[in-house]
Amino acid sequence: MPMKGSGQAASWREIDQWEGGTGWIAYPDEEMQRASHALVSDGDVWLVDPVDCDGLDETLAEYGTVRGVVLLLDRHKRDADALARRHEVPVYVPEWMSGVRSELSAPVDLIRRSLPDSGYDLHKLVDNPVWKEGFLYDEDSKTLVVAEAVGTSAFMRTSDERLGVHPALRLKPPKALGRYSPERILVGHGEGVMEGAAEALTDALDGSRKRTPRLYAQTAREFLF
């Protein structure tokens, strides 16, 4: 099913609830399973790669005040602009993704090493002409936030994977993620991995190449049938 256009989703599902925030999947019937997250720190709420939905502001108000919107992938603009303008906050973008600034009407703040006052450090993951992606990691809560390189939606996983590497990165998996032992992994496509996250990440990275033919065959079958 194709992705819906911009505007508030009437149907959505809350996911990934933990002491440091929550997440949601707007348009739950979408095959891409676009996931958004609210990271909470001392009453500040950071929206990561968000898709807007009906009643979202009321849900966010239970966690605190929106401090900013964060983009971790250059093509994940989604509804960042609309939400930032509605809450009168900036869109925070990694400095190596500065080209996104011209595509947004909301104010943009470039971030280099960390998300201010959040506990999350920013790291570069992919930086080439067609793909620019960063990820966030909070050492205290051991929470890893990845936009696209890994995910749990069906198009990223073989049948025996809990977490999968993006099909376009399968032959050269993002090994930089292997330096971390997270207790939870929040992803931009699908529900997060909230238990056994470190083991799922190791398995995804180590098995990425050898499972590539299986994933491609699986995708082809779904496309054809």
N, C-alpha and C. Protein backbone atom coordinates (compact mmCIF):
# COMPACT_ATOMS: atom_id res chain seq x y z
N MET A 1 0.85 -1.19 0.00
CA MET A 1 0.00 0.00 0.00
C MET A 1 0.88 1.25 0.00
N PRO A 2 0.62 2.23 -0.87
CA PRO A 2 1.45 3.42 -0.93
C PRO A 2 1.32 4.26 0.32
N MET A 3 2.33 5.10 0.53
CA MET A 3 2.31 5.96 1.70
C MET A 3 1.31 7.09 1.50
N LYS A 4 0.62 7.44 2.58
CA LYS A 4 -0.34 8.54 2.52
C LYS A 4 0.41 9.86 2.42
N GLY A 5 -0.29 10.88 1.94
CA GLY A 5 0.30 12.19 1.83
C GLY A 5 0.35 12.90 3.17
N SER A 6 0.75 14.19 3.14
CA SER A 6 0.83 14.95 4.37
C SER A 6 -0.55 15.26 4.90
N GLY A 7 -0.64 15.64 6.16
CA GLY A 7 -1.90 15.87 6.83
C GLY A 7 -2.01 14.94 8.01
N GLN A 8 -2.97 15.20 8.91
CA GLN A 8 -3.10 14.40 10.12
C GLN A 8 -3.73 13.05 9.81
N ALA A 9 -3.10 11.99 10.29
CA ALA A 9 -3.66 10.65 10.13
C ALA A 9 -4.79 10.47 11.13
N ALA A 10 -5.92 9.96 10.67
CA ALA A 10 -7.04 9.72 11.57
C ALA A 10 -6.82 8.44 12.37
N SER A 11 -6.10 7.50 11.78
CA SER A 11 -5.85 6.22 12.43
C SER A 11 -4.37 6.11 12.79
N TRP A 12 -4.08 5.75 14.03
CA TRP A 12 -2.70 5.59 14.44
C TRP A 12 -2.64 4.69 15.66
N ARG A 13 -1.43 4.17 15.91
CA ARG A 13 -1.25 3.21 17.00
C ARG A 13 -0.03 3.60 17.82
N GLU A 14 -0.19 3.67 19.14
CA GLU A 14 0.93 4.02 20.01
C GLU A 14 1.81 2.79 20.22
N ILE A 15 3.12 2.99 20.20
CA ILE A 15 4.09 1.91 20.34
C ILE A 15 5.22 2.36 21.25
N ASP A 16 6.10 1.44 21.60
CA ASP A 16 7.40 1.75 22.21
C ASP A 16 7.31 2.63 23.46
N GLN A 17 6.34 2.40 24.29
CA GLN A 17 6.24 3.20 25.51
C GLN A 17 7.27 2.73 26.54
N TRP A 18 7.99 3.67 27.10
CA TRP A 18 8.95 3.37 28.18
C TRP A 18 9.11 4.64 28.99
N GLU A 19 9.92 4.59 30.04
CA GLU A 19 10.01 5.73 30.95
C GLU A 19 10.57 6.97 30.29
N GLY A 20 11.23 6.81 29.15
CA GLY A 20 11.83 7.96 28.47
C GLY A 20 11.08 8.45 27.26
N GLY A 21 9.83 8.01 27.10
CA GLY A 21 9.08 8.51 25.97
C GLY A 21 8.09 7.51 25.40
N THR A 22 7.73 7.74 24.15
CA THR A 22 6.75 6.89 23.48
C THR A 22 6.94 7.00 21.98
N GLY A 23 6.18 6.19 21.26
CA GLY A 23 6.23 6.25 19.81
C GLY A 23 4.86 5.98 19.22
N TRP A 24 4.73 6.14 17.91
CA TRP A 24 3.45 5.87 17.27
C TRP A 24 3.67 5.55 15.79
N ILE A 25 2.75 4.76 15.26
CA ILE A 25 2.72 4.47 13.83
C ILE A 25 1.43 5.03 13.29
N ALA A 26 1.54 6.07 12.48
CA ALA A 26 0.38 6.62 11.79
C ALA A 26 0.09 5.74 10.57
N TYR A 27 -1.16 5.70 10.16
CA TYR A 27 -1.55 4.85 9.03
C TYR A 27 -1.05 3.42 9.25
N PRO A 28 -1.56 2.71 10.26
CA PRO A 28 -1.06 1.38 10.59
C PRO A 28 -1.14 0.36 9.46
N ASP A 29 -1.95 0.63 8.43
CA ASP A 29 -2.07 -0.32 7.32
C ASP A 29 -0.99 -0.11 6.26
N GLU A 30 -0.15 0.89 6.41
CA GLU A 30 0.94 1.10 5.47
C GLU A 30 1.97 -0.02 5.56
N GLU A 31 2.45 -0.48 4.43
CA GLU A 31 3.49 -1.51 4.43
C GLU A 31 4.80 -0.98 4.99
N MET A 32 5.07 0.30 4.80
CA MET A 32 6.35 0.86 5.27
C MET A 32 6.39 1.03 6.78
N GLN A 33 5.22 1.05 7.43
CA GLN A 33 5.15 1.15 8.89
C GLN A 33 6.01 2.31 9.42
N ARG A 34 5.75 3.50 8.92
CA ARG A 34 6.52 4.67 9.35
C ARG A 34 6.30 4.94 10.84
N ALA A 35 7.36 4.88 11.59
CA ALA A 35 7.29 5.07 13.04
C ALA A 35 7.88 6.42 13.43
N SER A 36 7.26 7.05 14.42
CA SER A 36 7.71 8.33 14.95
C SER A 36 7.92 8.17 16.45
N HIS A 37 8.74 9.04 17.03
CA HIS A 37 9.00 8.92 18.47
C HIS A 37 9.04 10.28 19.16
N ALA A 38 8.66 10.24 20.43
CA ALA A 38 8.78 11.40 21.32
C ALA A 38 9.75 11.01 22.42
N LEU A 39 10.90 11.66 22.45
CA LEU A 39 11.89 11.43 23.49
C LEU A 39 11.68 12.47 24.58
N VAL A 40 11.62 12.02 25.83
CA VAL A 40 11.27 12.91 26.94
C VAL A 40 12.43 13.04 27.89
N SER A 41 12.77 14.29 28.25
CA SER A 41 13.85 14.57 29.19
C SER A 41 13.48 15.78 30.03
N ASP A 42 13.22 15.56 31.32
CA ASP A 42 12.91 16.66 32.25
C ASP A 42 11.79 17.56 31.72
N GLY A 43 10.76 16.96 31.19
CA GLY A 43 9.61 17.74 30.73
C GLY A 43 9.74 18.27 29.32
N ASP A 44 10.91 18.11 28.71
CA ASP A 44 11.09 18.49 27.31
C ASP A 44 10.78 17.29 26.43
N VAL A 45 10.05 17.53 25.34
CA VAL A 45 9.68 16.47 24.42
C VAL A 45 10.31 16.76 23.06
N TRP A 46 11.05 15.78 22.56
CA TRP A 46 11.69 15.89 21.25
C TRP A 46 11.00 14.92 20.30
N LEU A 47 10.50 15.44 19.19
CA LEU A 47 9.82 14.62 18.19
C LEU A 47 10.82 14.21 17.12
N VAL A 48 10.97 12.91 16.91
CA VAL A 48 11.96 12.40 15.98
C VAL A 48 11.27 11.85 14.73
N ASP A 49 11.62 12.43 13.57
CA ASP A 49 11.09 12.00 12.27
C ASP A 49 9.58 11.79 12.34
N PRO A 50 8.82 12.79 12.79
CA PRO A 50 7.40 12.55 13.10
C PRO A 50 6.46 12.59 11.91
N VAL A 51 5.44 11.74 11.99
CA VAL A 51 4.27 11.80 11.11
C VAL A 51 3.12 12.29 11.97
N ASP A 52 2.40 13.30 11.52
CA ASP A 52 1.33 13.92 12.30
C ASP A 52 0.10 13.01 12.33
N CYS A 53 -0.68 13.12 13.39
CA CYS A 53 -1.91 12.34 13.49
C CYS A 53 -2.90 13.04 14.40
N ASP A 54 -4.14 12.67 14.24
CA ASP A 54 -5.24 13.27 14.99
C ASP A 54 -5.09 12.96 16.48
N GLY A 55 -5.12 13.99 17.33
CA GLY A 55 -5.01 13.80 18.76
C GLY A 55 -3.59 13.70 19.28
N LEU A 56 -2.61 13.90 18.41
CA LEU A 56 -1.21 13.76 18.83
C LEU A 56 -0.83 14.79 19.89
N ASP A 57 -1.25 16.02 19.73
CA ASP A 57 -0.86 17.07 20.68
C ASP A 57 -1.35 16.75 22.09
N GLU A 58 -2.54 16.20 22.20
CA GLU A 58 -3.07 15.85 23.51
C GLU A 58 -2.23 14.74 24.15
N THR A 59 -1.81 13.79 23.35
CA THR A 59 -0.97 12.71 23.86
C THR A 59 0.39 13.25 24.31
N LEU A 60 0.98 14.11 23.50
CA LEU A 60 2.30 14.67 23.84
C LEU A 60 2.25 15.51 25.10
N ALA A 61 1.14 16.20 25.31
CA ALA A 61 1.00 17.07 26.48
C ALA A 61 1.11 16.28 27.78
N GLU A 62 0.81 14.99 27.73
CA GLU A 62 0.92 14.15 28.93
C GLU A 62 2.38 13.95 29.33
N TYR A 63 3.30 14.16 28.38
CA TYR A 63 4.73 13.94 28.63
C TYR A 63 5.50 15.23 28.91
N GLY A 64 4.97 16.36 28.48
CA GLY A 64 5.66 17.62 28.69
C GLY A 64 5.42 18.58 27.54
N THR A 65 6.37 19.47 27.33
CA THR A 65 6.26 20.50 26.29
C THR A 65 7.20 20.19 25.15
N VAL A 66 6.70 20.28 23.93
CA VAL A 66 7.55 20.01 22.76
C VAL A 66 8.67 21.03 22.70
N ARG A 67 9.91 20.54 22.71
CA ARG A 67 11.10 21.40 22.69
C ARG A 67 11.64 21.55 21.27
N GLY A 68 11.46 20.54 20.46
CA GLY A 68 11.97 20.62 19.10
C GLY A 68 11.60 19.38 18.31
N VAL A 69 11.80 19.48 17.00
CA VAL A 69 11.59 18.36 16.08
C VAL A 69 12.96 17.99 15.52
N VAL A 70 13.23 16.69 15.43
CA VAL A 70 14.55 16.21 15.02
C VAL A 70 14.43 15.39 13.75
N LEU A 71 15.29 15.68 12.77
CA LEU A 71 15.37 14.87 11.56
C LEU A 71 16.69 14.08 11.60
N LEU A 72 16.60 12.77 11.47
CA LEU A 72 17.79 11.93 11.46
C LEU A 72 18.12 11.39 10.07
N LEU A 73 17.25 11.64 9.12
CA LEU A 73 17.48 11.19 7.74
C LEU A 73 17.02 12.28 6.79
N ASP A 74 17.82 12.56 5.77
CA ASP A 74 17.49 13.69 4.90
C ASP A 74 16.16 13.54 4.19
N ARG A 75 15.71 12.33 3.91
CA ARG A 75 14.43 12.15 3.23
C ARG A 75 13.28 11.84 4.19
N HIS A 76 13.49 12.00 5.49
CA HIS A 76 12.45 11.77 6.49
C HIS A 76 11.81 13.07 6.95
N LYS A 77 11.60 14.00 6.05
CA LYS A 77 10.99 15.27 6.46
C LYS A 77 9.57 15.07 6.96
N ARG A 78 8.88 14.09 6.36
CA ARG A 78 7.56 13.71 6.84
C ARG A 78 6.73 14.95 7.20
N ASP A 79 6.26 15.06 8.46
CA ASP A 79 5.47 16.22 8.87
C ASP A 79 6.25 17.10 9.85
N ALA A 80 7.58 17.06 9.77
CA ALA A 80 8.41 17.84 10.68
C ALA A 80 8.11 19.32 10.59
N ASP A 81 7.96 19.82 9.38
CA ASP A 81 7.72 21.24 9.17
C ASP A 81 6.42 21.68 9.84
N ALA A 82 5.34 20.95 9.59
CA ALA A 82 4.03 21.33 10.13
C ALA A 82 4.03 21.26 11.66
N LEU A 83 4.64 20.23 12.23
CA LEU A 83 4.65 20.10 13.68
C LEU A 83 5.53 21.16 14.33
N ALA A 84 6.65 21.48 13.73
CA ALA A 84 7.53 22.52 14.29
C ALA A 84 6.83 23.87 14.28
N ARG A 85 6.14 24.19 13.19
CA ARG A 85 5.44 25.47 13.12
C ARG A 85 4.27 25.50 14.09
N ARG A 86 3.59 24.40 14.23
CA ARG A 86 2.44 24.36 15.15
C ARG A 86 2.86 24.55 16.60
N HIS A 87 4.01 23.98 16.96
CA HIS A 87 4.49 24.09 18.34
C HIS A 87 5.49 25.24 18.51
N GLU A 88 5.76 25.95 17.43
CA GLU A 88 6.65 27.12 17.45
C GLU A 88 8.03 26.75 18.00
N VAL A 89 8.60 25.70 17.42
CA VAL A 89 9.93 25.23 17.82
C VAL A 89 10.76 25.02 16.55
N PRO A 90 12.09 24.93 16.69
CA PRO A 90 12.92 24.67 15.52
C PRO A 90 12.90 23.20 15.11
N VAL A 91 13.33 22.98 13.88
CA VAL A 91 13.66 21.63 13.42
C VAL A 91 15.18 21.48 13.59
N TYR A 92 15.59 20.47 14.34
CA TYR A 92 17.00 20.22 14.58
C TYR A 92 17.52 19.21 13.56
N VAL A 93 18.58 19.58 12.87
CA VAL A 93 19.11 18.79 11.77
C VAL A 93 20.61 18.62 11.95
N PRO A 94 21.16 17.40 11.77
CA PRO A 94 22.61 17.23 11.82
C PRO A 94 23.30 18.17 10.84
N GLU A 95 24.44 18.69 11.23
CA GLU A 95 25.10 19.71 10.41
C GLU A 95 25.46 19.22 9.02
N TRP A 96 25.72 17.90 8.87
CA TRP A 96 26.08 17.40 7.55
C TRP A 96 24.85 17.20 6.66
N MET A 97 23.65 17.48 7.20
CA MET A 97 22.42 17.42 6.43
C MET A 97 21.87 18.83 6.19
N SER A 98 22.73 19.82 6.18
CA SER A 98 22.30 21.22 6.11
C SER A 98 21.50 21.54 4.85
N GLY A 99 21.63 20.72 3.80
CA GLY A 99 20.88 20.97 2.58
C GLY A 99 19.38 20.86 2.76
N VAL A 100 18.95 20.18 3.82
CA VAL A 100 17.52 20.03 4.09
C VAL A 100 16.89 21.37 4.47
N ARG A 101 17.71 22.29 4.96
CA ARG A 101 17.20 23.57 5.45
C ARG A 101 16.34 24.28 4.41
N SER A 102 16.74 24.22 3.16
CA SER A 102 16.01 24.93 2.10
C SER A 102 14.65 24.30 1.81
N GLU A 103 14.40 23.08 2.31
CA GLU A 103 13.15 22.40 2.05
C GLU A 103 12.15 22.56 3.20
N LEU A 104 12.54 23.34 4.21
CA LEU A 104 11.69 23.53 5.38
C LEU A 104 11.34 25.01 5.53
N SER A 105 10.13 25.28 5.99
CA SER A 105 9.74 26.68 6.23
C SER A 105 9.90 27.04 7.71
N ALA A 106 9.97 26.05 8.58
CA ALA A 106 10.19 26.31 10.01
C ALA A 106 11.65 26.67 10.26
N PRO A 107 11.96 27.34 11.37
CA PRO A 107 13.36 27.62 11.70
C PRO A 107 14.14 26.31 11.85
N VAL A 108 15.41 26.33 11.43
CA VAL A 108 16.26 25.14 11.50
C VAL A 108 17.49 25.43 12.35
N ASP A 109 17.78 24.55 13.30
CA ASP A 109 19.01 24.62 14.09
C ASP A 109 19.87 23.42 13.72
N LEU A 110 21.12 23.67 13.38
CA LEU A 110 22.03 22.58 13.04
C LEU A 110 22.69 22.06 14.31
N ILE A 111 22.74 20.74 14.46
CA ILE A 111 23.36 20.14 15.64
C ILE A 111 24.58 19.34 15.19
N ARG A 112 25.58 19.34 16.07
CA ARG A 112 26.84 18.69 15.72
C ARG A 112 27.10 17.43 16.53
N ARG A 113 27.07 17.54 17.85
CA ARG A 113 27.46 16.40 18.69
C ARG A 113 26.34 15.84 19.56
N SER A 114 25.37 16.67 19.90
CA SER A 114 24.33 16.19 20.81
C SER A 114 23.06 17.00 20.63
N LEU A 115 21.97 16.41 21.10
CA LEU A 115 20.68 17.09 21.13
C LEU A 115 20.62 17.84 22.45
N PRO A 116 20.51 19.16 22.43
CA PRO A 116 20.68 19.97 23.65
C PRO A 116 19.81 19.53 24.83
N ASP A 117 20.45 19.35 25.97
CA ASP A 117 19.74 19.09 27.24
C ASP A 117 18.86 17.84 27.19
N SER A 118 19.21 16.88 26.36
CA SER A 118 18.36 15.70 26.21
C SER A 118 19.02 14.42 26.73
N GLY A 119 20.34 14.41 26.82
CA GLY A 119 21.06 13.19 27.16
C GLY A 119 21.46 12.37 25.95
N TYR A 120 20.96 12.74 24.77
CA TYR A 120 21.25 11.99 23.55
C TYR A 120 22.42 12.60 22.78
N ASP A 121 23.38 11.75 22.46
CA ASP A 121 24.48 12.15 21.58
C ASP A 121 24.11 11.83 20.14
N LEU A 122 24.57 12.68 19.24
CA LEU A 122 24.32 12.51 17.81
C LEU A 122 25.56 11.91 17.15
N HIS A 123 25.35 10.93 16.28
CA HIS A 123 26.45 10.28 15.57
C HIS A 123 26.11 10.19 14.08
N LYS A 124 27.13 10.32 13.25
CA LYS A 124 26.94 10.16 11.81
C LYS A 124 26.95 8.68 11.46
N LEU A 125 26.03 8.27 10.60
CA LEU A 125 25.95 6.87 10.20
C LEU A 125 26.19 6.68 8.71
N VAL A 126 25.49 7.46 7.89
CA VAL A 126 25.66 7.39 6.44
C VAL A 126 25.79 8.82 5.92
N ASP A 127 26.77 9.04 5.05
CA ASP A 127 26.96 10.38 4.49
C ASP A 127 27.49 10.25 3.07
N ASN A 128 26.56 10.20 2.11
CA ASN A 128 26.95 10.16 0.71
C ASN A 128 25.93 10.98 -0.09
N PRO A 129 26.12 11.18 -1.38
CA PRO A 129 25.22 12.06 -2.13
C PRO A 129 23.76 11.65 -2.14
N VAL A 130 23.45 10.37 -1.92
CA VAL A 130 22.05 9.94 -1.99
C VAL A 130 21.46 9.53 -0.64
N TRP A 131 22.29 9.54 0.41
CA TRP A 131 21.80 9.05 1.70
C TRP A 131 22.58 9.73 2.81
N LYS A 132 21.90 10.50 3.64
CA LYS A 132 22.53 11.14 4.79
C LYS A 132 21.70 10.81 6.03
N GLU A 133 22.34 10.12 6.97
CA GLU A 133 21.61 9.64 8.14
C GLU A 133 22.48 9.72 9.39
N GLY A 134 21.85 10.16 10.47
CA GLY A 134 22.49 10.13 11.77
C GLY A 134 21.69 9.26 12.72
N PHE A 135 22.25 8.99 13.89
CA PHE A 135 21.50 8.26 14.91
C PHE A 135 21.78 8.87 16.27
N LEU A 136 20.89 8.61 17.21
CA LEU A 136 21.00 9.12 18.57
C LEU A 136 21.25 7.98 19.53
N TYR A 137 22.05 8.26 20.56
CA TYR A 137 22.27 7.25 21.61
C TYR A 137 22.36 7.94 22.96
N ASP A 138 21.58 7.42 23.90
CA ASP A 138 21.60 7.92 25.27
C ASP A 138 22.29 6.86 26.13
N GLU A 139 23.46 7.16 26.62
CA GLU A 139 24.24 6.20 27.38
C GLU A 139 23.56 5.82 28.69
N ASP A 140 22.92 6.78 29.35
CA ASP A 140 22.29 6.50 30.63
C ASP A 140 21.15 5.49 30.51
N SER A 141 20.28 5.70 29.54
CA SER A 141 19.15 4.79 29.37
C SER A 141 19.44 3.67 28.38
N LYS A 142 20.61 3.77 27.72
CA LYS A 142 21.01 2.80 26.69
C LYS A 142 19.92 2.66 25.62
N THR A 143 19.49 3.83 25.13
CA THR A 143 18.48 3.89 24.08
C THR A 143 19.12 4.32 22.77
N LEU A 144 18.93 3.51 21.74
CA LEU A 144 19.47 3.78 20.40
C LEU A 144 18.30 4.13 19.49
N VAL A 145 18.44 5.25 18.76
CA VAL A 145 17.39 5.72 17.86
C VAL A 145 17.96 5.77 16.45
N VAL A 146 17.42 4.94 15.55
CA VAL A 146 17.93 4.82 14.18
C VAL A 146 16.78 5.07 13.20
N ALA A 147 17.01 5.92 12.22
CA ALA A 147 15.93 6.31 11.31
C ALA A 147 15.63 5.28 10.25
N GLU A 148 16.65 4.71 9.61
CA GLU A 148 16.41 3.95 8.38
C GLU A 148 17.35 2.78 8.18
N ALA A 149 18.55 2.84 8.69
CA ALA A 149 19.56 1.82 8.40
C ALA A 149 19.16 0.44 8.89
N VAL A 150 18.45 0.40 10.02
CA VAL A 150 17.87 -0.85 10.50
C VAL A 150 16.41 -0.60 10.85
N GLY A 151 15.62 -1.66 10.82
CA GLY A 151 14.21 -1.51 11.14
C GLY A 151 13.55 -2.85 11.37
N THR A 152 12.28 -2.81 11.70
CA THR A 152 11.55 -4.04 11.99
C THR A 152 10.36 -4.26 11.07
N SER A 153 10.09 -3.36 10.14
CA SER A 153 8.99 -3.58 9.20
C SER A 153 9.34 -4.76 8.29
N ALA A 154 8.33 -5.34 7.69
CA ALA A 154 8.51 -6.59 6.96
C ALA A 154 9.50 -6.46 5.80
N PHE A 155 9.58 -5.30 5.16
CA PHE A 155 10.46 -5.18 4.01
C PHE A 155 11.94 -5.15 4.39
N MET A 156 12.23 -5.03 5.70
CA MET A 156 13.62 -5.00 6.16
C MET A 156 14.07 -6.32 6.78
N ARG A 157 13.16 -7.22 7.08
CA ARG A 157 13.51 -8.41 7.85
C ARG A 157 13.24 -9.70 7.09
N THR A 158 14.12 -10.67 7.28
CA THR A 158 13.78 -12.03 6.88
C THR A 158 12.92 -12.62 7.99
N SER A 159 12.38 -13.79 7.75
CA SER A 159 11.43 -14.37 8.69
C SER A 159 12.04 -14.71 10.04
N ASP A 160 13.37 -14.90 10.09
CA ASP A 160 14.00 -15.27 11.36
C ASP A 160 14.77 -14.11 12.00
N GLU A 161 14.52 -12.89 11.56
CA GLU A 161 15.17 -11.72 12.15
C GLU A 161 14.18 -10.91 12.96
N ARG A 162 14.61 -10.43 14.12
CA ARG A 162 13.80 -9.49 14.90
C ARG A 162 14.06 -8.06 14.46
N LEU A 163 15.24 -7.82 13.94
CA LEU A 163 15.68 -6.51 13.45
C LEU A 163 16.45 -6.76 12.17
N GLY A 164 16.22 -5.94 11.16
CA GLY A 164 16.89 -6.15 9.89
C GLY A 164 17.58 -4.91 9.37
N VAL A 165 18.61 -5.12 8.57
CA VAL A 165 19.30 -4.02 7.91
C VAL A 165 18.53 -3.65 6.63
N HIS A 166 18.47 -2.38 6.33
CA HIS A 166 17.78 -1.90 5.14
C HIS A 166 18.31 -2.64 3.90
N PRO A 167 17.42 -3.02 2.98
CA PRO A 167 17.86 -3.77 1.80
C PRO A 167 19.00 -3.10 1.03
N ALA A 168 19.02 -1.78 0.96
CA ALA A 168 20.06 -1.08 0.21
C ALA A 168 21.41 -1.09 0.91
N LEU A 169 21.43 -1.45 2.20
CA LEU A 169 22.68 -1.47 2.97
C LEU A 169 23.11 -2.89 3.34
N ARG A 170 22.39 -3.88 2.86
CA ARG A 170 22.63 -5.26 3.28
C ARG A 170 24.06 -5.73 3.01
N LEU A 171 24.60 -5.37 1.87
CA LEU A 171 25.94 -5.85 1.52
C LEU A 171 27.05 -5.05 2.20
N LYS A 172 26.70 -3.91 2.74
CA LYS A 172 27.66 -3.11 3.49
C LYS A 172 26.94 -2.57 4.72
N PRO A 173 26.69 -3.42 5.69
CA PRO A 173 25.86 -3.04 6.85
C PRO A 173 26.53 -1.96 7.70
N PRO A 174 25.72 -1.19 8.44
CA PRO A 174 26.23 -0.06 9.24
C PRO A 174 26.92 -0.55 10.51
N LYS A 175 28.17 -0.98 10.38
CA LYS A 175 28.90 -1.58 11.49
C LYS A 175 29.12 -0.62 12.66
N ALA A 176 29.01 0.68 12.42
CA ALA A 176 29.20 1.65 13.50
C ALA A 176 28.19 1.40 14.63
N LEU A 177 27.03 0.85 14.30
CA LEU A 177 26.04 0.57 15.33
C LEU A 177 26.48 -0.56 16.26
N GLY A 178 27.39 -1.38 15.77
CA GLY A 178 27.86 -2.52 16.56
C GLY A 178 28.69 -2.14 17.77
N ARG A 179 29.06 -0.88 17.89
CA ARG A 179 29.83 -0.43 19.06
C ARG A 179 28.95 -0.27 20.30
N TYR A 180 27.65 -0.39 20.14
CA TYR A 180 26.73 -0.11 21.24
C TYR A 180 26.01 -1.38 21.69
N SER A 181 25.64 -1.39 22.97
CA SER A 181 24.87 -2.49 23.54
C SER A 181 23.59 -1.92 24.13
N PRO A 182 22.65 -1.55 23.27
CA PRO A 182 21.43 -0.87 23.75
C PRO A 182 20.47 -1.81 24.47
N GLU A 183 19.70 -1.23 25.36
CA GLU A 183 18.62 -1.97 26.00
C GLU A 183 17.32 -1.85 25.20
N ARG A 184 17.25 -0.83 24.34
CA ARG A 184 16.10 -0.68 23.45
C ARG A 184 16.57 0.01 22.18
N ILE A 185 15.93 -0.34 21.08
CA ILE A 185 16.24 0.27 19.79
C ILE A 185 14.94 0.80 19.20
N LEU A 186 14.89 2.09 18.95
CA LEU A 186 13.74 2.73 18.32
C LEU A 186 14.08 2.97 16.86
N VAL A 187 13.17 2.59 15.97
CA VAL A 187 13.47 2.65 14.54
C VAL A 187 12.42 3.47 13.81
N GLY A 188 12.77 3.91 12.62
CA GLY A 188 11.87 4.75 11.83
C GLY A 188 10.85 3.98 11.03
N HIS A 189 10.99 2.64 10.99
CA HIS A 189 10.03 1.80 10.28
C HIS A 189 9.76 0.56 11.11
N GLY A 190 8.57 0.52 11.72
CA GLY A 190 8.19 -0.62 12.54
C GLY A 190 8.29 -0.33 14.03
N GLU A 191 7.82 -1.28 14.82
CA GLU A 191 7.91 -1.16 16.27
C GLU A 191 9.36 -1.34 16.72
N GLY A 192 9.69 -0.74 17.85
CA GLY A 192 11.04 -0.85 18.36
C GLY A 192 11.33 -2.21 18.96
N VAL A 193 12.60 -2.45 19.21
CA VAL A 193 13.03 -3.66 19.90
C VAL A 193 13.24 -3.28 21.35
N MET A 194 12.35 -3.70 22.21
CA MET A 194 12.34 -3.25 23.60
C MET A 194 12.92 -4.28 24.56
N GLU A 195 13.18 -5.49 24.09
CA GLU A 195 13.81 -6.53 24.90
C GLU A 195 14.85 -7.24 24.05
N GLY A 196 15.97 -7.60 24.68
CA GLY A 196 17.03 -8.29 23.94
C GLY A 196 17.55 -7.49 22.78
N ALA A 197 17.62 -6.17 22.94
CA ALA A 197 17.97 -5.29 21.82
C ALA A 197 19.41 -5.49 21.35
N ALA A 198 20.33 -5.62 22.29
CA ALA A 198 21.74 -5.79 21.91
C ALA A 198 21.94 -7.05 21.09
N GLU A 199 21.29 -8.14 21.50
CA GLU A 199 21.41 -9.40 20.77
C GLU A 199 20.79 -9.29 19.38
N ALA A 200 19.65 -8.61 19.28
CA ALA A 200 18.99 -8.44 17.98
C ALA A 200 19.84 -7.60 17.04
N LEU A 201 20.51 -6.59 17.58
CA LEU A 201 21.37 -5.74 16.75
C LEU A 201 22.58 -6.52 16.25
N THR A 202 23.22 -7.27 17.14
CA THR A 202 24.37 -8.07 16.73
C THR A 202 23.99 -9.07 15.64
N ASP A 203 22.85 -9.72 15.82
CA ASP A 203 22.39 -10.69 14.84
C ASP A 203 22.10 -10.02 13.49
N ALA A 204 21.48 -8.84 13.52
CA ALA A 204 21.15 -8.13 12.29
C ALA A 204 22.40 -7.76 11.51
N LEU A 205 23.40 -7.25 12.20
CA LEU A 205 24.63 -6.81 11.53
C LEU A 205 25.46 -8.00 11.05
N ASP A 206 25.60 -9.02 11.91
CA ASP A 206 26.43 -10.16 11.55
C ASP A 206 25.81 -11.00 10.43
N GLY A 207 24.49 -11.05 10.38
CA GLY A 207 23.83 -11.87 9.37
C GLY A 207 23.36 -11.12 8.14
N SER A 208 23.69 -9.85 8.07
CA SER A 208 23.16 -9.01 6.99
C SER A 208 23.50 -9.55 5.61
N ARG A 209 24.78 -9.79 5.34
CA ARG A 209 25.19 -10.20 4.00
C ARG A 209 24.65 -11.57 3.63
N LYS A 210 24.80 -12.54 4.52
CA LYS A 210 24.42 -13.91 4.17
C LYS A 210 22.92 -14.06 3.98
N ARG A 211 22.13 -13.18 4.60
CA ARG A 211 20.68 -13.27 4.46
C ARG A 211 20.14 -12.41 3.32
N THR A 212 21.03 -11.70 2.63
CA THR A 212 20.58 -10.81 1.56
C THR A 212 19.80 -11.54 0.47
N PRO A 213 20.28 -12.66 -0.07
CA PRO A 213 19.50 -13.35 -1.11
C PRO A 213 18.10 -13.74 -0.62
N ARG A 214 18.01 -14.17 0.64
CA ARG A 214 16.71 -14.58 1.18
C ARG A 214 15.76 -13.39 1.26
N LEU A 215 16.26 -12.24 1.71
CA LEU A 215 15.41 -11.06 1.80
C LEU A 215 14.95 -10.61 0.42
N TYR A 216 15.88 -10.58 -0.54
CA TYR A 216 15.51 -10.15 -1.88
C TYR A 216 14.48 -11.10 -2.50
N ALA A 217 14.64 -12.41 -2.27
CA ALA A 217 13.68 -13.38 -2.80
C ALA A 217 12.32 -13.19 -2.14
N GLN A 218 12.33 -12.94 -0.84
CA GLN A 218 11.10 -12.70 -0.10
C GLN A 218 10.37 -11.48 -0.65
N THR A 219 11.14 -10.40 -0.89
CA THR A 219 10.55 -9.17 -1.43
C THR A 219 9.97 -9.38 -2.81
N ALA A 220 10.68 -10.15 -3.64
CA ALA A 220 10.22 -10.41 -5.00
C ALA A 220 8.92 -11.19 -4.97
N ARG A 221 8.82 -12.19 -4.09
CA ARG A 221 7.59 -12.98 -4.00
C ARG A 221 6.41 -12.12 -3.59
N GLU A 222 6.63 -11.22 -2.61
CA GLU A 222 5.55 -10.36 -2.16
C GLU A 222 5.12 -9.39 -3.26
N PHE A 223 6.10 -8.93 -4.05
CA PHE A 223 5.78 -8.00 -5.13
C PHE A 223 4.99 -8.69 -6.24
N LEU A 224 5.38 -9.93 -6.53
CA LEU A 224 4.75 -10.65 -7.65
C LEU A 224 3.41 -11.25 -7.28
N PHE A 225 3.27 -11.64 -6.01
CA PHE A 225 2.06 -12.36 -5.64
C PHE A 225 1.23 -11.62 -4.62
